[in-house]
N, C-alpha and C. Protein backbone atom coordinates (compact mmCIF):
# COMPACT_ATOMS: atom_id res chain seq x y z
N UNK A 1 19.39 -12.25 0.47
CA UNK A 1 19.51 -12.28 1.91
C UNK A 1 18.12 -12.48 2.50
N UNK A 2 18.04 -13.31 3.51
CA UNK A 2 16.76 -13.62 4.14
C UNK A 2 16.41 -12.59 5.20
N UNK A 3 15.11 -12.28 5.29
CA UNK A 3 14.69 -11.38 6.36
C UNK A 3 14.47 -12.20 7.64
N UNK A 4 14.11 -11.54 8.71
CA UNK A 4 13.99 -12.18 10.01
C UNK A 4 12.94 -13.30 10.01
N UNK A 5 11.79 -13.04 9.41
CA UNK A 5 10.72 -14.04 9.38
C UNK A 5 11.15 -15.27 8.59
N UNK A 6 11.79 -15.06 7.46
CA UNK A 6 12.24 -16.18 6.63
C UNK A 6 13.29 -17.02 7.36
N UNK A 7 14.24 -16.36 8.01
CA UNK A 7 15.26 -17.09 8.77
C UNK A 7 14.64 -17.89 9.90
N UNK A 8 13.69 -17.29 10.59
CA UNK A 8 13.03 -17.97 11.70
C UNK A 8 12.26 -19.19 11.22
N UNK A 9 11.52 -19.04 10.12
CA UNK A 9 10.77 -20.17 9.57
C UNK A 9 11.70 -21.28 9.09
N UNK A 10 12.78 -20.91 8.45
CA UNK A 10 13.72 -21.91 7.96
C UNK A 10 14.30 -22.70 9.13
N UNK A 11 14.62 -22.04 10.20
CA UNK A 11 15.16 -22.71 11.38
C UNK A 11 14.10 -23.61 12.02
N UNK A 12 12.87 -23.15 12.12
CA UNK A 12 11.78 -23.97 12.69
C UNK A 12 11.56 -25.21 11.84
N UNK A 13 11.48 -25.02 10.52
CA UNK A 13 11.26 -26.15 9.62
C UNK A 13 12.43 -27.13 9.65
N UNK A 14 13.64 -26.61 9.71
CA UNK A 14 14.81 -27.48 9.77
C UNK A 14 14.78 -28.33 11.04
N UNK A 15 14.50 -27.70 12.16
CA UNK A 15 14.45 -28.44 13.42
C UNK A 15 13.31 -29.43 13.44
N UNK A 16 12.16 -29.06 12.94
CA UNK A 16 11.00 -29.95 12.93
C UNK A 16 11.23 -31.13 12.00
N UNK A 17 11.73 -30.87 10.80
CA UNK A 17 11.97 -31.96 9.85
C UNK A 17 13.10 -32.87 10.30
N UNK A 18 14.09 -32.31 10.95
CA UNK A 18 15.23 -33.11 11.38
C UNK A 18 14.94 -34.01 12.56
N UNK A 19 14.08 -33.57 13.44
CA UNK A 19 13.83 -34.33 14.66
C UNK A 19 12.56 -35.15 14.62
N UNK A 20 11.51 -34.60 14.06
CA UNK A 20 10.22 -35.27 14.12
C UNK A 20 9.74 -35.77 12.77
N UNK A 21 10.29 -35.22 11.70
CA UNK A 21 9.91 -35.60 10.34
C UNK A 21 8.39 -35.59 10.16
N UNK A 22 7.75 -34.59 10.71
CA UNK A 22 6.30 -34.47 10.60
C UNK A 22 5.96 -33.15 9.93
N UNK A 23 4.80 -33.12 9.30
CA UNK A 23 4.40 -31.87 8.68
C UNK A 23 3.94 -30.90 9.75
N UNK A 24 4.07 -29.63 9.43
CA UNK A 24 3.69 -28.58 10.36
C UNK A 24 2.73 -27.65 9.63
N UNK A 25 1.61 -27.36 10.25
CA UNK A 25 0.59 -26.54 9.64
C UNK A 25 0.91 -25.06 9.82
N UNK A 26 0.35 -24.25 8.94
CA UNK A 26 0.63 -22.81 8.97
C UNK A 26 0.21 -22.16 10.28
N UNK A 27 -0.95 -22.48 10.86
CA UNK A 27 -1.28 -21.87 12.15
C UNK A 27 -0.25 -22.21 13.25
N UNK A 28 0.28 -23.42 13.21
CA UNK A 28 1.31 -23.79 14.19
C UNK A 28 2.61 -23.05 13.92
N UNK A 29 2.97 -22.89 12.64
CA UNK A 29 4.14 -22.10 12.30
C UNK A 29 3.99 -20.66 12.77
N UNK A 30 2.79 -20.11 12.59
CA UNK A 30 2.53 -18.74 13.03
C UNK A 30 2.68 -18.61 14.54
N UNK A 31 2.20 -19.61 15.25
CA UNK A 31 2.31 -19.59 16.72
C UNK A 31 3.77 -19.69 17.15
N UNK A 32 4.52 -20.61 16.55
CA UNK A 32 5.92 -20.80 16.92
C UNK A 32 6.78 -19.60 16.56
N UNK A 33 6.48 -18.98 15.43
CA UNK A 33 7.28 -17.84 14.96
C UNK A 33 6.82 -16.51 15.54
N UNK A 34 5.61 -16.49 16.11
CA UNK A 34 5.09 -15.24 16.64
C UNK A 34 4.71 -14.26 15.54
N UNK A 35 4.24 -14.78 14.40
CA UNK A 35 3.88 -13.95 13.25
C UNK A 35 2.45 -14.24 12.83
N UNK A 36 1.90 -13.40 11.97
CA UNK A 36 0.57 -13.60 11.41
C UNK A 36 0.64 -14.63 10.27
N UNK A 37 -0.48 -15.29 10.00
CA UNK A 37 -0.48 -16.32 8.95
C UNK A 37 -0.16 -15.73 7.57
N UNK A 38 -0.56 -14.50 7.33
CA UNK A 38 -0.22 -13.85 6.05
C UNK A 38 1.28 -13.67 5.89
N UNK A 39 1.95 -13.29 6.97
CA UNK A 39 3.41 -13.16 6.93
C UNK A 39 4.07 -14.51 6.70
N UNK A 40 3.51 -15.55 7.31
CA UNK A 40 4.06 -16.89 7.17
C UNK A 40 3.95 -17.35 5.71
N UNK A 41 2.78 -17.17 5.12
CA UNK A 41 2.59 -17.58 3.72
C UNK A 41 3.54 -16.82 2.78
N UNK A 42 3.69 -15.53 3.01
CA UNK A 42 4.58 -14.72 2.18
C UNK A 42 6.03 -15.18 2.33
N UNK A 43 6.44 -15.48 3.55
CA UNK A 43 7.81 -15.93 3.79
C UNK A 43 8.04 -17.32 3.19
N UNK A 44 7.04 -18.21 3.30
CA UNK A 44 7.17 -19.54 2.70
C UNK A 44 7.29 -19.45 1.18
N UNK A 45 6.52 -18.57 0.59
CA UNK A 45 6.60 -18.38 -0.86
C UNK A 45 7.98 -17.88 -1.26
N UNK A 46 8.52 -16.95 -0.49
CA UNK A 46 9.85 -16.42 -0.77
C UNK A 46 10.91 -17.51 -0.62
N UNK A 47 10.80 -18.32 0.43
CA UNK A 47 11.76 -19.41 0.64
C UNK A 47 11.67 -20.44 -0.48
N UNK A 48 10.46 -20.69 -0.98
CA UNK A 48 10.29 -21.63 -2.09
C UNK A 48 10.92 -21.07 -3.36
N UNK A 49 10.72 -19.78 -3.63
CA UNK A 49 11.31 -19.15 -4.82
C UNK A 49 12.83 -19.19 -4.79
N UNK A 50 13.40 -19.05 -3.59
CA UNK A 50 14.86 -19.08 -3.44
C UNK A 50 15.40 -20.50 -3.29
N UNK A 51 14.51 -21.49 -3.35
CA UNK A 51 14.84 -22.91 -3.30
C UNK A 51 15.48 -23.35 -1.99
N UNK A 52 15.04 -22.75 -0.90
CA UNK A 52 15.44 -23.23 0.41
C UNK A 52 14.52 -24.34 0.90
N UNK A 53 13.26 -24.30 0.44
CA UNK A 53 12.28 -25.30 0.85
C UNK A 53 11.49 -25.78 -0.36
N UNK A 54 10.84 -26.91 -0.18
CA UNK A 54 9.83 -27.39 -1.12
C UNK A 54 8.51 -27.26 -0.39
N UNK A 55 7.54 -26.55 -0.96
CA UNK A 55 6.29 -26.28 -0.26
C UNK A 55 5.12 -26.61 -1.17
N UNK A 56 4.30 -27.52 -0.74
CA UNK A 56 3.08 -27.85 -1.44
C UNK A 56 1.94 -27.11 -0.75
N UNK A 57 1.55 -26.00 -1.34
CA UNK A 57 0.57 -25.11 -0.71
C UNK A 57 -0.77 -25.79 -0.48
N UNK A 58 -1.20 -26.61 -1.41
CA UNK A 58 -2.49 -27.28 -1.26
C UNK A 58 -2.52 -28.20 -0.05
N UNK A 59 -1.39 -28.83 0.25
CA UNK A 59 -1.35 -29.78 1.34
C UNK A 59 -0.73 -29.19 2.60
N UNK A 60 -0.28 -27.93 2.54
CA UNK A 60 0.40 -27.28 3.66
C UNK A 60 1.58 -28.10 4.17
N UNK A 61 2.38 -28.62 3.24
CA UNK A 61 3.55 -29.40 3.60
C UNK A 61 4.79 -28.66 3.11
N UNK A 62 5.71 -28.40 4.01
CA UNK A 62 6.96 -27.74 3.64
C UNK A 62 8.12 -28.62 4.09
N UNK A 63 9.07 -28.82 3.19
CA UNK A 63 10.27 -29.60 3.49
C UNK A 63 11.48 -28.74 3.21
N UNK A 64 12.48 -28.85 4.06
CA UNK A 64 13.73 -28.13 3.85
C UNK A 64 14.55 -28.89 2.82
N UNK A 65 15.11 -28.17 1.88
CA UNK A 65 15.95 -28.77 0.86
C UNK A 65 17.33 -28.99 1.48
N UNK A 66 17.87 -30.22 1.41
CA UNK A 66 19.19 -30.49 2.00
C UNK A 66 20.26 -29.61 1.38
N UNK A 67 21.19 -29.18 2.20
CA UNK A 67 22.32 -28.39 1.72
C UNK A 67 22.13 -26.90 1.78
N UNK A 68 20.99 -26.41 2.29
CA UNK A 68 20.77 -24.96 2.32
C UNK A 68 21.71 -24.27 3.28
N UNK A 69 22.24 -24.98 4.28
CA UNK A 69 23.12 -24.35 5.26
C UNK A 69 24.38 -23.79 4.62
N UNK A 70 24.81 -24.36 3.50
CA UNK A 70 26.02 -23.91 2.85
C UNK A 70 25.86 -22.56 2.18
N UNK A 71 24.61 -22.17 1.89
CA UNK A 71 24.36 -20.92 1.19
C UNK A 71 24.08 -19.76 2.12
N UNK A 72 23.69 -20.03 3.34
CA UNK A 72 23.36 -18.98 4.30
C UNK A 72 24.54 -18.74 5.21
N UNK A 73 24.99 -17.52 5.29
CA UNK A 73 26.11 -17.19 6.17
C UNK A 73 25.75 -16.03 7.04
């Protein structure tokens, strides 16, 4: 089960990737989510481990894996 920060990030990434198809940097994610950058990195790592996103940490690029909506209820 996803915590609040993870759900919020997943929704932000889904909306950003779906509409603008542009990468989003961690400071911008922190601003949009209202969280600290450490919380953002921890949540992104958790989402990557659960295979909701693909995240290249070196390049700060996160992509939502298609079909994740079917697993979250």
